[in-house]
PDB file of all heavy atoms in Angstrom:
ATOM      1  N   SER A   1      16.883   5.331  18.788  1.00  0.00           N
ATOM      2  CA  SER A   1      16.037   5.642  19.933  1.00  0.00           C
ATOM      3  C   SER A   1      14.573   5.773  19.587  1.00  0.00           C
ATOM      4  O   SER A   1      13.717   5.541  20.420  1.00  0.00           O
ATOM      5  CB  SER A   1      16.515   6.947  20.593  1.00  0.00           C
ATOM      6  OG  SER A   1      17.832   6.783  21.056  1.00  0.00           O
ATOM      7  N   ILE A   2      14.267   6.198  18.376  1.00  0.00           N
ATOM      8  CA  ILE A   2      12.860   6.399  18.037  1.00  0.00           C
ATOM      9  C   ILE A   2      12.536   5.781  16.683  1.00  0.00           C
ATOM     10  O   ILE A   2      11.610   6.194  16.009  1.00  0.00           O
ATOM     11  CB  ILE A   2      12.475   7.897  18.030  1.00  0.00           C
ATOM     12  CG1 ILE A   2      13.425   8.720  17.164  1.00  0.00           C
ATOM     13  CG2 ILE A   2      12.453   8.458  19.418  1.00  0.00           C
ATOM     14  CD1 ILE A   2      13.013  10.165  17.053  1.00  0.00           C
ATOM     15  N   ASP A   3      13.286   4.745  16.303  1.00  0.00           N
ATOM     16  CA  ASP A   3      13.031   4.159  14.993  1.00  0.00           C
ATOM     17  C   ASP A   3      11.651   3.518  14.917  1.00  0.00           C
ATOM     18  O   ASP A   3      11.080   3.421  13.853  1.00  0.00           O
ATOM     19  CB  ASP A   3      14.108   3.128  14.647  1.00  0.00           C
ATOM     20  CG  ASP A   3      14.273   2.054  15.699  1.00  0.00           C
ATOM     21  OD1 ASP A   3      13.727   2.209  16.795  1.00  0.00           O
ATOM     22  OD2 ASP A   3      14.952   1.064  15.410  1.00  0.00           O
ATOM     23  N   SER A   4      11.073   3.112  16.061  1.00  0.00           N
ATOM     24  CA  SER A   4       9.749   2.503  16.013  1.00  0.00           C
ATOM     25  C   SER A   4       8.664   3.535  15.790  1.00  0.00           C
ATOM     26  O   SER A   4       7.510   3.196  15.626  1.00  0.00           O
ATOM     27  CB  SER A   4       9.458   1.766  17.318  1.00  0.00           C
ATOM     28  OG  SER A   4       9.464   2.660  18.412  1.00  0.00           O
ATOM     29  N   HIS A   5       9.032   4.815  15.753  1.00  0.00           N
ATOM     30  CA  HIS A   5       8.038   5.865  15.564  1.00  0.00           C
ATOM     31  C   HIS A   5       8.212   6.549  14.212  1.00  0.00           C
ATOM     32  O   HIS A   5       7.731   7.649  13.992  1.00  0.00           O
ATOM     33  CB  HIS A   5       8.137   6.899  16.691  1.00  0.00           C
ATOM     34  CG  HIS A   5       8.237   6.246  18.029  1.00  0.00           C
ATOM     35  ND1 HIS A   5       7.211   5.533  18.579  1.00  0.00           N
ATOM     36  CD2 HIS A   5       9.271   6.145  18.897  1.00  0.00           C
ATOM     37  CE1 HIS A   5       7.596   5.047  19.747  1.00  0.00           C
ATOM     38  NE2 HIS A   5       8.833   5.396  19.952  1.00  0.00           N
ATOM     39  N   ALA A   6       8.935   5.905  13.325  1.00  0.00           N
ATOM     40  CA  ALA A   6       9.156   6.494  12.009  1.00  0.00           C
ATOM     41  C   ALA A   6       7.850   6.628  11.259  1.00  0.00           C
ATOM     42  O   ALA A   6       6.918   5.875  11.460  1.00  0.00           O
ATOM     43  CB  ALA A   6      10.112   5.616  11.200  1.00  0.00           C
ATOM     44  N   GLU A   7       7.784   7.611  10.377  1.00  0.00           N
ATOM     45  CA  GLU A   7       6.581   7.793   9.573  1.00  0.00           C
ATOM     46  C   GLU A   7       6.419   6.610   8.629  1.00  0.00           C
ATOM     47  O   GLU A   7       7.370   6.133   8.036  1.00  0.00           O
ATOM     48  CB  GLU A   7       6.681   9.080   8.748  1.00  0.00           C
ATOM     49  CG  GLU A   7       6.613  10.343   9.595  1.00  0.00           C
ATOM     50  CD  GLU A   7       6.886  11.557   8.776  1.00  0.00           C
ATOM     51  OE1 GLU A   7       8.033  11.711   8.342  1.00  0.00           O
ATOM     52  OE2 GLU A   7       5.970  12.351   8.554  1.00  0.00           O
ATOM     53  N   VAL A   8       5.179   6.170   8.495  1.00  0.00           N
ATOM     54  CA  VAL A   8       4.880   5.082   7.578  1.00  0.00           C
ATOM     55  C   VAL A   8       3.873   5.598   6.564  1.00  0.00           C
ATOM     56  O   VAL A   8       2.708   5.784   6.877  1.00  0.00           O
ATOM     57  CB  VAL A   8       4.297   3.859   8.325  1.00  0.00           C
ATOM     58  CG1 VAL A   8       3.945   2.760   7.339  1.00  0.00           C
ATOM     59  CG2 VAL A   8       5.294   3.350   9.348  1.00  0.00           C
ATOM     60  N   HIS A   9       4.336   5.880   5.380  1.00  0.00           N
ATOM     61  CA  HIS A   9       3.452   6.321   4.306  1.00  0.00           C
ATOM     62  C   HIS A   9       3.821   5.553   3.044  1.00  0.00           C
ATOM     63  O   HIS A   9       4.986   5.260   2.793  1.00  0.00           O
ATOM     64  CB  HIS A   9       3.587   7.828   4.045  1.00  0.00           C
ATOM     65  CG  HIS A   9       3.069   8.674   5.165  1.00  0.00           C
ATOM     66  ND1 HIS A   9       1.771   8.583   5.614  1.00  0.00           N
ATOM     67  CD2 HIS A   9       3.666   9.602   5.940  1.00  0.00           C
ATOM     68  CE1 HIS A   9       1.592   9.437   6.608  1.00  0.00           C
ATOM     69  NE2 HIS A   9       2.737  10.058   6.828  1.00  0.00           N
ATOM     70  N   VAL A  10       2.809   5.262   2.252  1.00  0.00           N
ATOM     71  CA  VAL A  10       3.077   4.517   1.038  1.00  0.00           C
ATOM     72  C   VAL A  10       3.691   5.422  -0.004  1.00  0.00           C
ATOM     73  O   VAL A  10       3.577   6.633   0.050  1.00  0.00           O
ATOM     74  CB  VAL A  10       1.775   3.901   0.484  1.00  0.00           C
ATOM     75  CG1 VAL A  10       1.172   2.952   1.490  1.00  0.00           C
ATOM     76  CG2 VAL A  10       0.772   4.980   0.123  1.00  0.00           C
ATOM     77  N   ASN A  11       4.336   4.821  -0.959  1.00  0.00           N
ATOM     78  CA  ASN A  11       4.894   5.544  -2.086  1.00  0.00           C
ATOM     79  C   ASN A  11       3.763   5.871  -3.051  1.00  0.00           C
ATOM     80  O   ASN A  11       3.148   4.997  -3.632  1.00  0.00           O
ATOM     81  CB  ASN A  11       5.951   4.675  -2.785  1.00  0.00           C
ATOM     82  CG  ASN A  11       6.622   5.408  -3.927  1.00  0.00           C
ATOM     83  OD1 ASN A  11       6.143   6.426  -4.403  1.00  0.00           O
ATOM     84  ND2 ASN A  11       7.760   4.874  -4.356  1.00  0.00           N
ATOM     85  N   SER A  12       3.479   7.151  -3.207  1.00  0.00           N
ATOM     86  CA  SER A  12       2.322   7.547  -4.003  1.00  0.00           C
ATOM     87  C   SER A  12       2.484   7.225  -5.479  1.00  0.00           C
ATOM     88  O   SER A  12       1.529   7.279  -6.236  1.00  0.00           O
ATOM     89  CB  SER A  12       2.077   9.057  -3.847  1.00  0.00           C
ATOM     90  OG  SER A  12       3.193   9.794  -4.308  1.00  0.00           O
ATOM     91  N   THR A  13       3.683   6.888  -5.912  1.00  0.00           N
ATOM     92  CA  THR A  13       3.873   6.580  -7.334  1.00  0.00           C
ATOM     93  C   THR A  13       3.749   5.096  -7.627  1.00  0.00           C
ATOM     94  O   THR A  13       3.702   4.689  -8.779  1.00  0.00           O
ATOM     95  CB  THR A  13       5.267   7.060  -7.795  1.00  0.00           C
ATOM     96  OG1 THR A  13       6.263   6.371  -7.049  1.00  0.00           O
ATOM     97  CG2 THR A  13       5.411   8.564  -7.586  1.00  0.00           C
ATOM     98  N   SER A  14       3.700   4.265  -6.560  1.00  0.00           N
ATOM     99  CA  SER A  14       3.659   2.819  -6.792  1.00  0.00           C
ATOM    100  C   SER A  14       2.258   2.279  -6.562  1.00  0.00           C
ATOM    101  O   SER A  14       2.012   1.521  -5.648  1.00  0.00           O
ATOM    102  CB  SER A  14       4.651   2.097  -5.872  1.00  0.00           C
ATOM    103  OG  SER A  14       4.299   2.313  -4.528  1.00  0.00           O
ATOM    104  N   LEU A  15       1.312   2.740  -7.370  1.00  0.00           N
ATOM    105  CA  LEU A  15      -0.060   2.285  -7.241  1.00  0.00           C
ATOM    106  C   LEU A  15      -0.181   0.874  -7.797  1.00  0.00           C
ATOM    107  O   LEU A  15       0.483   0.500  -8.755  1.00  0.00           O
ATOM    108  CB  LEU A  15      -0.997   3.235  -8.000  1.00  0.00           C
ATOM    109  CG  LEU A  15      -0.908   4.707  -7.553  1.00  0.00           C
ATOM    110  CD1 LEU A  15      -1.810   5.563  -8.407  1.00  0.00           C
ATOM    111  CD2 LEU A  15      -1.282   4.826  -6.093  1.00  0.00           C
ATOM    112  N   VAL A  16      -1.044   0.082  -7.153  1.00  0.00           N
ATOM    113  CA  VAL A  16      -1.163  -1.312  -7.555  1.00  0.00           C
ATOM    114  C   VAL A  16      -2.584  -1.622  -7.983  1.00  0.00           C
ATOM    115  O   VAL A  16      -3.530  -0.991  -7.551  1.00  0.00           O
ATOM    116  CB  VAL A  16      -0.774  -2.251  -6.383  1.00  0.00           C
ATOM    117  CG1 VAL A  16       0.665  -2.070  -6.006  1.00  0.00           C
ATOM    118  CG2 VAL A  16      -1.676  -2.027  -5.173  1.00  0.00           C
ATOM    119  N   THR A  17      -2.739  -2.608  -8.841  1.00  0.00           N
ATOM    120  CA  THR A  17      -4.050  -3.103  -9.205  1.00  0.00           C
ATOM    121  C   THR A  17      -4.433  -4.179  -8.208  1.00  0.00           C
ATOM    122  O   THR A  17      -3.741  -5.175  -8.072  1.00  0.00           O
ATOM    123  CB  THR A  17      -4.036  -3.686 -10.634  1.00  0.00           C
ATOM    124  OG1 THR A  17      -3.612  -2.660 -11.525  1.00  0.00           O
ATOM    125  CG2 THR A  17      -5.421  -4.177 -11.019  1.00  0.00           C
ATOM    126  N   LYS A  18      -5.566  -3.995  -7.511  1.00  0.00           N
ATOM    127  CA  LYS A  18      -5.902  -4.880  -6.404  1.00  0.00           C
ATOM    128  C   LYS A  18      -6.521  -6.183  -6.876  1.00  0.00           C
ATOM    129  O   LYS A  18      -6.402  -7.202  -6.234  1.00  0.00           O
ATOM    130  CB  LYS A  18      -6.871  -4.179  -5.458  1.00  0.00           C
ATOM    131  CG  LYS A  18      -6.298  -2.954  -4.799  1.00  0.00           C
ATOM    132  CD  LYS A  18      -7.332  -2.317  -3.901  1.00  0.00           C
ATOM    133  CE  LYS A  18      -8.543  -1.936  -4.717  1.00  0.00           C
ATOM    134  NZ  LYS A  18      -9.640  -1.393  -3.941  1.00  0.00           N
ATOM    135  N   HIS A  19      -7.271  -6.150  -7.957  1.00  0.00           N
ATOM    136  CA  HIS A  19      -7.980  -7.348  -8.380  1.00  0.00           C
ATOM    137  C   HIS A  19      -8.504  -7.163  -9.783  1.00  0.00           C
ATOM    138  O   HIS A  19      -8.583  -6.067 -10.305  1.00  0.00           O
ATOM    139  CB  HIS A  19      -9.146  -7.649  -7.433  1.00  0.00           C
ATOM    140  CG  HIS A  19      -9.969  -6.430  -7.120  1.00  0.00           C
ATOM    141  ND1 HIS A  19     -10.669  -5.734  -8.081  1.00  0.00           N
ATOM    142  CD2 HIS A  19     -10.166  -5.783  -5.949  1.00  0.00           C
ATOM    143  CE1 HIS A  19     -11.290  -4.714  -7.520  1.00  0.00           C
ATOM    144  NE2 HIS A  19     -10.992  -4.707  -6.239  1.00  0.00           N
ATOM    145  N   SER A  20      -8.847  -8.253 -10.370  1.00  0.00           N
ATOM    146  CA  SER A  20      -9.512  -8.209 -11.666  1.00  0.00           C
ATOM    147  C   SER A  20     -10.966  -7.836 -11.466  1.00  0.00           C
ATOM    148  O   SER A  20     -11.649  -8.364 -10.605  1.00  0.00           O
ATOM    149  CB  SER A  20      -9.432  -9.581 -12.350  1.00  0.00           C
ATOM    150  OG  SER A  20     -10.327  -9.634 -13.430  1.00  0.00           O
ATOM    151  N   ARG A  21     -11.481  -6.955 -12.288  1.00  0.00           N
ATOM    152  CA  ARG A  21     -12.823  -6.438 -12.093  1.00  0.00           C
ATOM    153  C   ARG A  21     -13.923  -7.409 -12.516  1.00  0.00           C
ATOM    154  O   ARG A  21     -15.091  -7.088 -12.466  1.00  0.00           O
ATOM    155  CB  ARG A  21     -12.983  -5.121 -12.858  1.00  0.00           C
ATOM    156  CG  ARG A  21     -12.404  -3.937 -12.102  1.00  0.00           C
ATOM    157  CD  ARG A  21     -13.154  -3.738 -10.824  1.00  0.00           C
ATOM    158  NE  ARG A  21     -12.547  -2.681 -10.015  1.00  0.00           N
ATOM    159  CZ  ARG A  21     -12.925  -2.413  -8.803  1.00  0.00           C
ATOM    160  NH1 ARG A  21     -13.844  -3.136  -8.225  1.00  0.00           N
ATOM    161  NH2 ARG A  21     -12.363  -1.452  -8.128  1.00  0.00           N
ATOM    162  N   THR A  22     -13.569  -8.589 -12.950  1.00  0.00           N
ATOM    163  CA  THR A  22     -14.598  -9.579 -13.277  1.00  0.00           C
ATOM    164  C   THR A  22     -14.597 -10.724 -12.277  1.00  0.00           C
ATOM    165  O   THR A  22     -15.286 -11.711 -12.447  1.00  0.00           O
ATOM    166  CB  THR A  22     -14.366 -10.157 -14.684  1.00  0.00           C
ATOM    167  OG1 THR A  22     -13.074 -10.756 -14.736  1.00  0.00           O
ATOM    168  CG2 THR A  22     -14.463  -9.068 -15.737  1.00  0.00           C
ATOM    169  N   GLU A  23     -13.791 -10.580 -11.221  1.00  0.00           N
ATOM    170  CA  GLU A  23     -13.616 -11.657 -10.256  1.00  0.00           C
ATOM    171  C   GLU A  23     -14.899 -11.908  -9.461  1.00  0.00           C
ATOM    172  O   GLU A  23     -15.656 -10.998  -9.133  1.00  0.00           O
ATOM    173  CB  GLU A  23     -12.485 -11.262  -9.284  1.00  0.00           C
ATOM    174  CG  GLU A  23     -12.108 -12.334  -8.305  1.00  0.00           C
ATOM    175  CD  GLU A  23     -10.963 -11.883  -7.437  1.00  0.00           C
ATOM    176  OE1 GLU A  23     -10.427 -10.781  -7.683  1.00  0.00           O
ATOM    177  OE2 GLU A  23     -10.611 -12.612  -6.502  1.00  0.00           O
ATOM    178  N   ILE A  24     -15.148 -13.194  -9.138  1.00  0.00           N
ATOM    179  CA  ILE A  24     -16.244 -13.557  -8.257  1.00  0.00           C
ATOM    180  C   ILE A  24     -15.653 -13.853  -6.882  1.00  0.00           C
ATOM    181  O   ILE A  24     -14.696 -14.612  -6.770  1.00  0.00           O
ATOM    182  CB  ILE A  24     -16.975 -14.825  -8.756  1.00  0.00           C
ATOM    183  CG1 ILE A  24     -17.542 -14.578 -10.145  1.00  0.00           C
ATOM    184  CG2 ILE A  24     -18.052 -15.250  -7.773  1.00  0.00           C
ATOM    185  CD1 ILE A  24     -18.789 -13.742 -10.181  1.00  0.00           C
ATOM    186  N   VAL A  25     -16.189 -13.226  -5.831  1.00  0.00           N
ATOM    187  CA  VAL A  25     -15.662 -13.467  -4.494  1.00  0.00           C
ATOM    188  C   VAL A  25     -16.793 -13.919  -3.590  1.00  0.00           C
ATOM    189  O   VAL A  25     -17.950 -13.561  -3.782  1.00  0.00           O
ATOM    190  CB  VAL A  25     -14.997 -12.192  -3.906  1.00  0.00           C
ATOM    191  CG1 VAL A  25     -13.809 -11.791  -4.738  1.00  0.00           C
ATOM    192  CG2 VAL A  25     -15.998 -11.049  -3.811  1.00  0.00           C
TER     193      VAL A  25
END
């Protein structure tokens, strides 16, 4: 009945590296 209102939070232990710090964009 309310599954579309479930909490959406990221897993605080699964941090990701977004990009290489020498990248040219």
